[in-house]
N, C-alpha and C. Protein backbone atom coordinates (compact mmCIF):
# COMPACT_ATOMS: atom_id res chain seq x y z
N MET A 1 16.66 -1.27 -5.33
CA MET A 1 16.32 0.13 -5.19
C MET A 1 14.84 0.37 -5.47
N GLU A 2 14.29 -0.44 -6.37
CA GLU A 2 12.87 -0.28 -6.70
C GLU A 2 12.00 -0.58 -5.48
N LYS A 3 12.38 -1.58 -4.67
CA LYS A 3 11.60 -1.89 -3.46
C LYS A 3 11.60 -0.70 -2.51
N ILE A 4 12.74 -0.05 -2.36
CA ILE A 4 12.85 1.10 -1.47
C ILE A 4 11.98 2.24 -1.99
N HIS A 5 12.08 2.51 -3.27
CA HIS A 5 11.29 3.58 -3.89
C HIS A 5 9.80 3.30 -3.71
N SER A 6 9.39 2.08 -3.97
CA SER A 6 7.97 1.71 -3.85
C SER A 6 7.46 1.84 -2.41
N ALA A 7 8.27 1.40 -1.46
CA ALA A 7 7.86 1.49 -0.05
C ALA A 7 7.72 2.95 0.38
N LEU A 8 8.62 3.81 -0.08
CA LEU A 8 8.53 5.22 0.26
C LEU A 8 7.32 5.88 -0.42
N MET A 9 7.05 5.53 -1.66
CA MET A 9 5.89 6.09 -2.37
C MET A 9 4.59 5.66 -1.71
N ALA A 10 4.56 4.47 -1.13
CA ALA A 10 3.35 4.00 -0.45
C ALA A 10 3.04 4.87 0.78
N SER A 11 4.07 5.40 1.41
CA SER A 11 3.88 6.24 2.59
C SER A 11 3.85 7.73 2.30
N PHE A 12 4.52 8.13 1.22
CA PHE A 12 4.64 9.55 0.87
C PHE A 12 4.28 9.72 -0.61
N ALA A 13 2.99 9.61 -0.92
CA ALA A 13 2.52 9.59 -2.31
C ALA A 13 2.90 10.84 -3.11
N ASP A 14 3.01 11.98 -2.44
CA ASP A 14 3.31 13.23 -3.15
C ASP A 14 4.81 13.48 -3.32
N ALA A 15 5.63 12.59 -2.83
CA ALA A 15 7.07 12.85 -2.71
C ALA A 15 7.84 12.76 -4.01
N ALA A 16 8.90 13.54 -4.05
CA ALA A 16 9.95 13.39 -5.07
C ALA A 16 11.04 12.58 -4.39
N ILE A 17 11.37 11.44 -4.95
CA ILE A 17 12.27 10.49 -4.29
C ILE A 17 13.39 10.07 -5.23
N THR A 18 14.60 10.07 -4.70
CA THR A 18 15.73 9.47 -5.41
C THR A 18 16.39 8.48 -4.45
N VAL A 19 16.80 7.36 -5.00
CA VAL A 19 17.47 6.32 -4.22
C VAL A 19 18.77 5.97 -4.95
N GLU A 20 19.87 6.02 -4.23
CA GLU A 20 21.16 5.66 -4.80
C GLU A 20 21.72 4.46 -4.04
N ASP A 21 22.22 3.49 -4.78
CA ASP A 21 22.88 2.34 -4.18
C ASP A 21 24.36 2.68 -4.01
N GLU A 22 24.80 2.76 -2.77
CA GLU A 22 26.19 3.09 -2.47
C GLU A 22 26.95 1.87 -1.95
N SER A 23 26.42 0.69 -2.21
CA SER A 23 27.03 -0.54 -1.70
C SER A 23 28.46 -0.72 -2.19
N HIS A 24 28.72 -0.30 -3.40
CA HIS A 24 30.07 -0.47 -3.96
C HIS A 24 31.12 0.31 -3.16
N LEU A 25 30.70 1.34 -2.46
CA LEU A 25 31.63 2.13 -1.65
C LEU A 25 32.01 1.42 -0.35
N HIS A 26 31.31 0.34 -0.05
CA HIS A 26 31.51 -0.36 1.22
C HIS A 26 31.95 -1.81 1.01
N ALA A 27 32.50 -2.11 -0.15
CA ALA A 27 32.98 -3.47 -0.42
C ALA A 27 34.02 -3.85 0.63
N GLY A 28 33.90 -5.04 1.17
CA GLY A 28 34.81 -5.50 2.20
C GLY A 28 34.40 -5.11 3.61
N HIS A 29 33.41 -4.24 3.74
CA HIS A 29 32.89 -3.83 5.04
C HIS A 29 32.17 -5.02 5.67
N VAL A 30 32.30 -5.17 6.97
CA VAL A 30 31.69 -6.31 7.66
C VAL A 30 30.20 -6.41 7.38
N GLY A 31 29.49 -5.29 7.39
CA GLY A 31 28.05 -5.30 7.14
C GLY A 31 27.69 -5.72 5.73
N ALA A 32 28.61 -5.53 4.79
CA ALA A 32 28.34 -5.90 3.40
C ALA A 32 28.27 -7.42 3.23
N ALA A 33 28.84 -8.16 4.15
CA ALA A 33 28.85 -9.62 4.08
C ALA A 33 27.45 -10.22 4.18
N THR A 34 26.50 -9.47 4.73
CA THR A 34 25.13 -9.98 4.88
C THR A 34 24.38 -9.97 3.56
N GLY A 35 24.92 -9.24 2.58
CA GLY A 35 24.23 -9.12 1.30
C GLY A 35 23.26 -7.96 1.24
N ARG A 36 23.03 -7.33 2.39
CA ARG A 36 22.16 -6.16 2.41
C ARG A 36 22.98 -4.95 1.97
N GLY A 37 22.31 -3.95 1.39
CA GLY A 37 23.02 -2.83 0.79
C GLY A 37 23.07 -1.56 1.61
N HIS A 38 23.91 -0.67 1.10
CA HIS A 38 24.05 0.69 1.63
C HIS A 38 23.36 1.63 0.64
N PHE A 39 22.42 2.41 1.12
CA PHE A 39 21.64 3.27 0.22
C PHE A 39 21.59 4.71 0.72
N LYS A 40 21.42 5.62 -0.23
CA LYS A 40 21.21 7.03 0.08
C LYS A 40 19.84 7.39 -0.49
N VAL A 41 19.01 7.98 0.34
CA VAL A 41 17.65 8.37 -0.05
C VAL A 41 17.49 9.88 0.10
N ARG A 42 16.97 10.50 -0.94
CA ARG A 42 16.55 11.91 -0.85
C ARG A 42 15.06 11.92 -1.10
N ILE A 43 14.32 12.48 -0.17
CA ILE A 43 12.87 12.52 -0.29
C ILE A 43 12.37 13.91 0.11
N VAL A 44 11.57 14.49 -0.76
CA VAL A 44 10.97 15.80 -0.53
C VAL A 44 9.46 15.59 -0.53
N SER A 45 8.82 15.93 0.59
CA SER A 45 7.39 15.65 0.73
C SER A 45 6.71 16.70 1.61
N ALA A 46 5.48 17.00 1.27
CA ALA A 46 4.68 17.90 2.10
C ALA A 46 4.44 17.30 3.49
N ALA A 47 4.52 15.99 3.59
CA ALA A 47 4.32 15.32 4.88
C ALA A 47 5.35 15.74 5.92
N PHE A 48 6.47 16.28 5.48
CA PHE A 48 7.53 16.69 6.40
C PHE A 48 7.39 18.14 6.87
N ALA A 49 6.42 18.85 6.34
CA ALA A 49 6.25 20.27 6.72
C ALA A 49 6.04 20.39 8.23
N GLY A 50 6.85 21.23 8.85
CA GLY A 50 6.73 21.48 10.27
C GLY A 50 7.35 20.43 11.17
N LEU A 51 7.89 19.36 10.59
CA LEU A 51 8.49 18.30 11.40
C LEU A 51 9.98 18.56 11.59
N PRO A 52 10.49 18.33 12.79
CA PRO A 52 11.93 18.43 12.99
C PRO A 52 12.64 17.27 12.29
N LEU A 53 13.94 17.41 12.12
CA LEU A 53 14.74 16.41 11.40
C LEU A 53 14.54 15.00 11.94
N LEU A 54 14.59 14.83 13.25
CA LEU A 54 14.44 13.50 13.83
C LEU A 54 13.10 12.87 13.48
N ALA A 55 12.04 13.64 13.50
CA ALA A 55 10.71 13.12 13.16
C ALA A 55 10.64 12.72 11.69
N ARG A 56 11.29 13.49 10.82
CA ARG A 56 11.33 13.14 9.39
C ARG A 56 12.06 11.82 9.19
N HIS A 57 13.19 11.66 9.86
CA HIS A 57 13.95 10.42 9.74
C HIS A 57 13.16 9.24 10.29
N ARG A 58 12.50 9.44 11.40
CA ARG A 58 11.68 8.35 11.96
C ARG A 58 10.58 7.93 11.01
N ALA A 59 9.98 8.89 10.31
CA ALA A 59 8.92 8.57 9.34
C ALA A 59 9.48 7.74 8.18
N VAL A 60 10.68 8.08 7.73
CA VAL A 60 11.31 7.31 6.65
C VAL A 60 11.64 5.90 7.14
N TYR A 61 12.23 5.79 8.32
CA TYR A 61 12.53 4.47 8.87
C TYR A 61 11.25 3.63 9.03
N ALA A 62 10.17 4.24 9.46
CA ALA A 62 8.90 3.51 9.61
C ALA A 62 8.42 2.99 8.26
N ALA A 63 8.57 3.79 7.22
CA ALA A 63 8.14 3.37 5.88
C ALA A 63 8.98 2.22 5.35
N LEU A 64 10.23 2.15 5.78
CA LEU A 64 11.15 1.14 5.27
C LEU A 64 11.40 0.00 6.26
N ASP A 65 10.62 -0.07 7.30
CA ASP A 65 10.85 -1.02 8.39
C ASP A 65 11.12 -2.45 7.91
N ALA A 66 10.28 -3.00 7.08
CA ALA A 66 10.46 -4.38 6.62
C ALA A 66 11.75 -4.54 5.83
N LEU A 67 12.07 -3.56 4.99
CA LEU A 67 13.28 -3.65 4.17
C LEU A 67 14.55 -3.48 4.99
N LEU A 68 14.45 -2.82 6.13
CA LEU A 68 15.61 -2.69 7.01
C LEU A 68 15.98 -4.05 7.60
N GLN A 69 15.05 -4.97 7.61
CA GLN A 69 15.31 -6.32 8.12
C GLN A 69 15.87 -7.25 7.05
N THR A 70 15.64 -6.92 5.79
CA THR A 70 15.98 -7.87 4.71
C THR A 70 16.93 -7.32 3.65
N ASP A 71 16.82 -6.05 3.29
CA ASP A 71 17.54 -5.51 2.14
C ASP A 71 18.53 -4.39 2.46
N ILE A 72 18.29 -3.66 3.53
CA ILE A 72 19.07 -2.46 3.81
C ILE A 72 19.97 -2.68 5.03
N HIS A 73 21.26 -2.47 4.84
CA HIS A 73 22.20 -2.53 5.97
C HIS A 73 22.44 -1.12 6.53
N ALA A 74 22.60 -0.15 5.61
CA ALA A 74 22.86 1.23 6.03
C ALA A 74 22.06 2.17 5.16
N LEU A 75 21.64 3.28 5.75
CA LEU A 75 20.78 4.22 5.05
C LEU A 75 21.17 5.64 5.39
N THR A 76 21.44 6.44 4.36
CA THR A 76 21.66 7.86 4.52
C THR A 76 20.39 8.55 4.07
N ILE A 77 19.84 9.43 4.91
CA ILE A 77 18.55 10.06 4.61
C ILE A 77 18.70 11.57 4.49
N ASP A 78 18.14 12.09 3.41
CA ASP A 78 17.96 13.55 3.26
C ASP A 78 16.47 13.74 3.05
N ALA A 79 15.75 14.11 4.11
CA ALA A 79 14.29 14.27 4.07
C ALA A 79 13.95 15.73 4.25
N GLN A 80 13.37 16.33 3.23
CA GLN A 80 13.08 17.76 3.23
C GLN A 80 11.59 18.01 3.02
N PRO A 81 11.05 19.06 3.64
CA PRO A 81 9.65 19.43 3.37
C PRO A 81 9.51 20.01 1.97
N LEU A 82 8.36 19.85 1.39
CA LEU A 82 8.05 20.37 0.06
C LEU A 82 7.94 21.87 0.11
């Protein structure tokens, strides 16, 4: 979770960020077999002001791109403007 938080802070320095590991809710799920986790992210940032929901989600995915290949199997995003 620290890697996710750090990657988001690198892209959204002013943000209030919470990261929850929800992997335990998906035990036995086919995707869980890879060892990558299921996470829920809530991020509030001025960078999202005026952006539609899809653009906010794309910005979060861009910030986490490398981790989506190695650490994250599923991601729930709540991205709100400050």
